[in-house]
């Protein structure tokens, strides 16, 4: 799957438009090719890689400073073999860091994709909820109007016999506190 630029990860992408080709939808499956580490684990791993890279930079700096010191002391020939071994060791460590960083980047990218799916699903659910609430309001309005029409004369708008009988039965019905018993 093609990874998108960091600018694409902003919240501005949440618009209720149909997904473009190769764009995530809430129904897209989450890849199961490897267990999904948490974003916290990826962040820890990223910090470990940073520490390794900083260590490599310090090792390289120390090696360069040693060579500079020998040159300053008047050494005209330095052991190329020793310098090569030091450079290869640093290169190997830096390559391992780059590999680790690539894995961390993929984990974070998958996490971002999961968050996008969740946000898309949430946006769809919010839209559906708003639609249902609007339909409910319309339905309740229609029910109130139907009840009003059934209890009032269509021509005059005055209460009809059904409403009169209902109110009369309510007024004449005994209440539990009024009748001892």
C-alpha atoms as a PDB file:
ATOM      1  CA  UNK A   1       0.000   0.000   0.000  1.00  0.00           C
ATOM      2  CA  UNK A   2       1.352   3.417  -0.895  1.00  0.00           C
ATOM      3  CA  UNK A   3       2.202   5.578   2.107  1.00  0.00           C
ATOM      4  CA  UNK A   4       1.040   9.148   2.073  1.00  0.00           C
ATOM      5  CA  UNK A   5       2.907  12.268   3.068  1.00  0.00           C
ATOM      6  CA  UNK A   6       2.661  13.546   6.667  1.00  0.00           C
ATOM      7  CA  UNK A   7       0.545  16.472   5.499  1.00  0.00           C
ATOM      8  CA  UNK A   8      -2.136  13.942   4.520  1.00  0.00           C
ATOM      9  CA  UNK A   9      -2.468  12.771   8.131  1.00  0.00           C
ATOM     10  CA  UNK A  10      -4.196  15.932   9.305  1.00  0.00           C
ATOM     11  CA  UNK A  11      -7.861  15.913  10.306  1.00  0.00           C
ATOM     12  CA  UNK A  12      -8.759  17.902   7.160  1.00  0.00           C
ATOM     13  CA  UNK A  13      -9.294  14.670   5.204  1.00  0.00           C
ATOM     14  CA  UNK A  14     -12.532  13.861   7.059  1.00  0.00           C
ATOM     15  CA  UNK A  15     -15.126  14.842   4.496  1.00  0.00           C
ATOM     16  CA  UNK A  16     -18.121  12.729   3.739  1.00  0.00           C
ATOM     17  CA  UNK A  17     -17.245  12.063   0.148  1.00  0.00           C
ATOM     18  CA  UNK A  18     -17.012   8.696  -1.553  1.00  0.00           C
ATOM     19  CA  UNK A  19     -13.535   7.167  -1.221  1.00  0.00           C
ATOM     20  CA  UNK A  20     -11.191   7.550  -4.145  1.00  0.00           C
ATOM     21  CA  UNK A  21      -9.462   4.569  -5.693  1.00  0.00           C
ATOM     22  CA  UNK A  22      -6.838   3.154  -3.267  1.00  0.00           C
ATOM     23  CA  UNK A  23      -8.273   5.250  -0.406  1.00  0.00           C
ATOM     24  CA  UNK A  24      -9.252   3.609   2.872  1.00  0.00           C
ATOM     25  CA  UNK A  25     -12.842   2.857   3.766  1.00  0.00           C
ATOM     26  CA  UNK A  26     -14.235   1.597   7.081  1.00  0.00           C
ATOM     27  CA  UNK A  27     -14.760  -1.842   5.528  1.00  0.00           C
ATOM     28  CA  UNK A  28     -11.130  -2.286   4.427  1.00  0.00           C
ATOM     29  CA  UNK A  29      -9.556  -5.244   6.219  1.00  0.00           C
ATOM     30  CA  UNK A  30      -6.730  -4.611   8.625  1.00  0.00           C
ATOM     31  CA  UNK A  31      -3.652  -6.466   7.305  1.00  0.00           C
ATOM     32  CA  UNK A  32      -3.030  -9.680   9.249  1.00  0.00           C
ATOM     33  CA  UNK A  33       0.407 -10.526   7.825  1.00  0.00           C
ATOM     34  CA  UNK A  34       2.015  -9.838  11.207  1.00  0.00           C
ATOM     35  CA  UNK A  35       0.756  -9.054  14.692  1.00  0.00           C
ATOM     36  CA  UNK A  36       0.016  -5.377  15.029  1.00  0.00           C
ATOM     37  CA  UNK A  37       2.223  -3.766  17.671  1.00  0.00           C
ATOM     38  CA  UNK A  38       0.784  -0.801  19.436  1.00  0.00           C
ATOM     39  CA  UNK A  39       1.723   2.723  18.518  1.00  0.00           C
ATOM     40  CA  UNK A  40       3.284   3.046  21.975  1.00  0.00           C
ATOM     41  CA  UNK A  41       5.584   0.094  21.201  1.00  0.00           C
ATOM     42  CA  UNK A  42       6.506   1.683  17.886  1.00  0.00           C
ATOM     43  CA  UNK A  43       7.298   4.944  19.654  1.00  0.00           C
ATOM     44  CA  UNK A  44       9.525   3.099  22.137  1.00  0.00           C
ATOM     45  CA  UNK A  45      11.252   1.347  19.265  1.00  0.00           C
ATOM     46  CA  UNK A  46      11.737   4.673  17.514  1.00  0.00           C
ATOM     47  CA  UNK A  47      13.372   6.095  20.631  1.00  0.00           C
ATOM     48  CA  UNK A  48      15.665   3.041  20.828  1.00  0.00           C
ATOM     49  CA  UNK A  49      16.686   3.556  17.203  1.00  0.00           C
ATOM     50  CA  UNK A  50      17.356   7.227  17.915  1.00  0.00           C
ATOM     51  CA  UNK A  51      19.620   6.253  20.819  1.00  0.00           C
ATOM     52  CA  UNK A  52      21.496   3.766  18.573  1.00  0.00           C
ATOM     53  CA  UNK A  53      21.990   6.380  15.859  1.00  0.00           C
ATOM     54  CA  UNK A  54      23.221   8.896  18.427  1.00  0.00           C
ATOM     55  CA  UNK A  55      25.653   6.228  19.712  1.00  0.00           C
ATOM     56  CA  UNK A  56      26.898   5.649  16.167  1.00  0.00           C
ATOM     57  CA  UNK A  57      27.391   9.375  15.698  1.00  0.00           C
ATOM     58  CA  UNK A  58      29.405   9.521  18.923  1.00  0.00           C
ATOM     59  CA  UNK A  59      31.528   6.492  17.866  1.00  0.00           C
ATOM     60  CA  UNK A  60      32.184   8.029  14.469  1.00  0.00           C
ATOM     61  CA  UNK A  61      33.028  11.365  16.062  1.00  0.00           C
ATOM     62  CA  UNK A  62      35.437   9.698  18.489  1.00  0.00           C
ATOM     63  CA  UNK A  63      37.129   7.808  15.629  1.00  0.00           C
ATOM     64  CA  UNK A  64      37.423  11.001  13.581  1.00  0.00           C
ATOM     65  CA  UNK A  65      38.813  12.910  16.564  1.00  0.00           C
ATOM     66  CA  UNK A  66      41.433  10.174  17.146  1.00  0.00           C
ATOM     67  CA  UNK A  67      42.516  10.391  13.504  1.00  0.00           C
ATOM     68  CA  UNK A  68      42.635  14.210  13.691  1.00  0.00           C
ATOM     69  CA  UNK A  69      44.742  13.990  16.861  1.00  0.00           C
ATOM     70  CA  UNK A  70      47.227  11.605  15.216  1.00  0.00           C
ATOM     71  CA  UNK A  71      47.469  13.888  12.197  1.00  0.00           C
ATOM     72  CA  UNK A  72      48.013  16.887  14.489  1.00  0.00           C
ATOM     73  CA  UNK A  73      50.785  14.967  16.272  1.00  0.00           C
ATOM     74  CA  UNK A  74      52.546  14.574  12.958  1.00  0.00           C
ATOM     75  CA  UNK A  75      51.516  11.092  11.900  1.00  0.00           C
ATOM     76  CA  UNK A  76      51.727  10.798   8.156  1.00  0.00           C
ATOM     77  CA  UNK A  77      50.593   7.221   7.789  1.00  0.00           C
ATOM     78  CA  UNK A  78      47.617   5.818   9.605  1.00  0.00           C
ATOM     79  CA  UNK A  79      46.480   2.243   9.669  1.00  0.00           C
ATOM     80  CA  UNK A  80      43.975   2.053   6.832  1.00  0.00           C
ATOM     81  CA  UNK A  81      42.921  -1.399   8.025  1.00  0.00           C
ATOM     82  CA  UNK A  82      41.983  -0.096  11.503  1.00  0.00           C
ATOM     83  CA  UNK A  83      40.110   2.913  10.062  1.00  0.00           C
ATOM     84  CA  UNK A  84      38.266   0.603   7.641  1.00  0.00           C
ATOM     85  CA  UNK A  85      37.219  -1.769  10.469  1.00  0.00           C
ATOM     86  CA  UNK A  86      35.911   1.177  12.525  1.00  0.00           C
ATOM     87  CA  UNK A  87      34.011   2.598   9.547  1.00  0.00           C
ATOM     88  CA  UNK A  88      32.499  -0.812   8.702  1.00  0.00           C
ATOM     89  CA  UNK A  89      31.351  -1.329  12.288  1.00  0.00           C
ATOM     90  CA  UNK A  90      29.664   2.061  12.333  1.00  0.00           C
ATOM     91  CA  UNK A  91      28.136   1.411   8.886  1.00  0.00           C
ATOM     92  CA  UNK A  92      26.746  -1.937  10.053  1.00  0.00           C
ATOM     93  CA  UNK A  93      25.168  -0.355  13.119  1.00  0.00           C
ATOM     94  CA  UNK A  94      23.702   2.496  11.078  1.00  0.00           C
ATOM     95  CA  UNK A  95      22.238   0.000   8.560  1.00  0.00           C
ATOM     96  CA  UNK A  96      20.634  -1.967  11.405  1.00  0.00           C
ATOM     97  CA  UNK A  97      19.179   1.298  12.720  1.00  0.00           C
ATOM     98  CA  UNK A  98      17.832   2.142   9.262  1.00  0.00           C
ATOM     99  CA  UNK A  99      16.172  -1.301   9.069  1.00  0.00           C
ATOM    100  CA  UNK A 100      14.659  -0.837  12.536  1.00  0.00           C
ATOM    101  CA  UNK A 101      13.474   2.622  11.603  1.00  0.00           C
ATOM    102  CA  UNK A 102      11.816   1.262   8.451  1.00  0.00           C
ATOM    103  CA  UNK A 103       9.902  -1.269  10.579  1.00  0.00           C
ATOM    104  CA  UNK A 104       8.866   1.458  13.027  1.00  0.00           C
ATOM    105  CA  UNK A 105       7.690   3.620  10.131  1.00  0.00           C
ATOM    106  CA  UNK A 106       5.551   0.775   8.765  1.00  0.00           C
ATOM    107  CA  UNK A 107       4.020   0.134  12.195  1.00  0.00           C
ATOM    108  CA  UNK A 108       3.219   3.812  12.643  1.00  0.00           C
ATOM    109  CA  UNK A 109       1.813   3.993   9.118  1.00  0.00           C
ATOM    110  CA  UNK A 110      -0.427   0.973   9.809  1.00  0.00           C
ATOM    111  CA  UNK A 111      -1.540   2.631  13.043  1.00  0.00           C
ATOM    112  CA  UNK A 112      -2.383   5.804  11.170  1.00  0.00           C
ATOM    113  CA  UNK A 113      -4.335   3.762   8.607  1.00  0.00           C
ATOM    114  CA  UNK A 114      -6.261   2.091  11.443  1.00  0.00           C
ATOM    115  CA  UNK A 115      -7.016   5.486  12.960  1.00  0.00           C
ATOM    116  CA  UNK A 116      -8.216   6.751   9.581  1.00  0.00           C
ATOM    117  CA  UNK A 117     -10.536   3.755   9.229  1.00  0.00           C
ATOM    118  CA  UNK A 118     -11.877   4.417  12.704  1.00  0.00           C
ATOM    119  CA  UNK A 119     -12.388   8.116  12.000  1.00  0.00           C
ATOM    120  CA  UNK A 120     -14.121   7.326   8.707  1.00  0.00           C
ATOM    121  CA  UNK A 121     -16.375   4.806  10.438  1.00  0.00           C
ATOM    122  CA  UNK A 122     -17.090   7.343  13.177  1.00  0.00           C
ATOM    123  CA  UNK A 123     -17.935  10.028  10.616  1.00  0.00           C
ATOM    124  CA  UNK A 124     -20.309   7.629   8.840  1.00  0.00           C
ATOM    125  CA  UNK A 125     -21.903   6.656  12.161  1.00  0.00           C
ATOM    126  CA  UNK A 126     -22.335  10.310  13.137  1.00  0.00           C
ATOM    127  CA  UNK A 127     -23.984  11.040   9.796  1.00  0.00           C
ATOM    128  CA  UNK A 128     -26.271   8.018  10.170  1.00  0.00           C
ATOM    129  CA  UNK A 129     -27.157   9.077  13.717  1.00  0.00           C
ATOM    130  CA  UNK A 130     -27.988  12.601  12.561  1.00  0.00           C
ATOM    131  CA  UNK A 131     -30.174  11.164   9.789  1.00  0.00           C
ATOM    132  CA  UNK A 132     -32.000   8.884  12.235  1.00  0.00           C
ATOM    133  CA  UNK A 133     -32.510  11.744  14.690  1.00  0.00           C
ATOM    134  CA  UNK A 134     -33.947  13.903  11.898  1.00  0.00           C
ATOM    135  CA  UNK A 135     -36.251  11.072  10.792  1.00  0.00           C
ATOM    136  CA  UNK A 136     -37.345  10.528  14.401  1.00  0.00           C
ATOM    137  CA  UNK A 137     -38.185  14.209  14.790  1.00  0.00           C
ATOM    138  CA  UNK A 138     -40.235  14.166  11.577  1.00  0.00           C
ATOM    139  CA  UNK A 139     -42.004  10.993  12.720  1.00  0.00           C
ATOM    140  CA  UNK A 140     -42.795  12.497  16.125  1.00  0.00           C
ATOM    141  CA  UNK A 141     -44.115  15.663  14.467  1.00  0.00           C
ATOM    142  CA  UNK A 142     -46.370  13.548  12.221  1.00  0.00           C
ATOM    143  CA  UNK A 143     -47.582  11.535  15.212  1.00  0.00           C
ATOM    144  CA  UNK A 144     -48.419  14.721  17.156  1.00  0.00           C
ATOM    145  CA  UNK A 145     -50.262  16.116  14.135  1.00  0.00           C
ATOM    146  CA  UNK A 146     -52.172  12.875  13.624  1.00  0.00           C
ATOM    147  CA  UNK A 147     -53.186  12.822  17.292  1.00  0.00           C
ATOM    148  CA  UNK A 148     -54.280  16.462  17.119  1.00  0.00           C
ATOM    149  CA  UNK A 149     -56.332  15.796  13.954  1.00  0.00           C
ATOM    150  CA  UNK A 150     -58.003  12.759  15.505  1.00  0.00           C
ATOM    151  CA  UNK A 151     -59.115  14.797  18.519  1.00  0.00           C
ATOM    152  CA  UNK A 152     -60.221  17.985  16.722  1.00  0.00           C
ATOM    153  CA  UNK A 153     -62.770  18.796  14.074  1.00  0.00           C
ATOM    154  CA  UNK A 154     -61.096  19.214  10.681  1.00  0.00           C
ATOM    155  CA  UNK A 155     -63.282  22.162   9.672  1.00  0.00           C
ATOM    156  CA  UNK A 156     -63.435  24.208  12.849  1.00  0.00           C
ATOM    157  CA  UNK A 157     -60.385  22.979  14.721  1.00  0.00           C
ATOM    158  CA  UNK A 158     -62.510  22.619  17.856  1.00  0.00           C
ATOM    159  CA  UNK A 159     -62.199  19.558  20.105  1.00  0.00           C
ATOM    160  CA  UNK A 160     -64.362  16.691  18.859  1.00  0.00           C
ATOM    161  CA  UNK A 161     -66.532  14.162  20.657  1.00  0.00           C
ATOM    162  CA  UNK A 162     -63.636  11.734  21.167  1.00  0.00           C
ATOM    163  CA  UNK A 163     -61.562  14.366  22.996  1.00  0.00           C
ATOM    164  CA  UNK A 164     -64.591  15.454  25.005  1.00  0.00           C
ATOM    165  CA  UNK A 165     -65.301  11.855  26.108  1.00  0.00           C
ATOM    166  CA  UNK A 166     -61.621  11.331  27.011  1.00  0.00           C
ATOM    167  CA  UNK A 167     -61.443  14.487  29.135  1.00  0.00           C
ATOM    168  CA  UNK A 168     -64.789  13.689  30.770  1.00  0.00           C
ATOM    169  CA  UNK A 169     -63.677  10.197  31.747  1.00  0.00           C
ATOM    170  CA  UNK A 170     -60.437  11.623  33.181  1.00  0.00           C
ATOM    171  CA  UNK A 171     -62.317  14.234  35.179  1.00  0.00           C
ATOM    172  CA  UNK A 172     -64.862  11.790  36.582  1.00  0.00           C
ATOM    173  CA  UNK A 173     -62.478   8.910  37.252  1.00  0.00           C
ATOM    174  CA  UNK A 174     -61.942   8.334  40.959  1.00  0.00           C
ATOM    175  CA  UNK A 175     -58.439   8.971  42.255  1.00  0.00           C
ATOM    176  CA  UNK A 176     -56.875   6.710  44.840  1.00  0.00           C
ATOM    177  CA  UNK A 177     -56.432   9.556  47.352  1.00  0.00           C
ATOM    178  CA  UNK A 178     -60.022  10.832  46.950  1.00  0.00           C
ATOM    179  CA  UNK A 179     -61.798   7.581  47.831  1.00  0.00           C
ATOM    180  CA  UNK A 180     -61.080   5.876  51.114  1.00  0.00           C
ATOM    181  CA  UNK A 181     -60.750   2.334  50.861  1.00  0.00           C
END
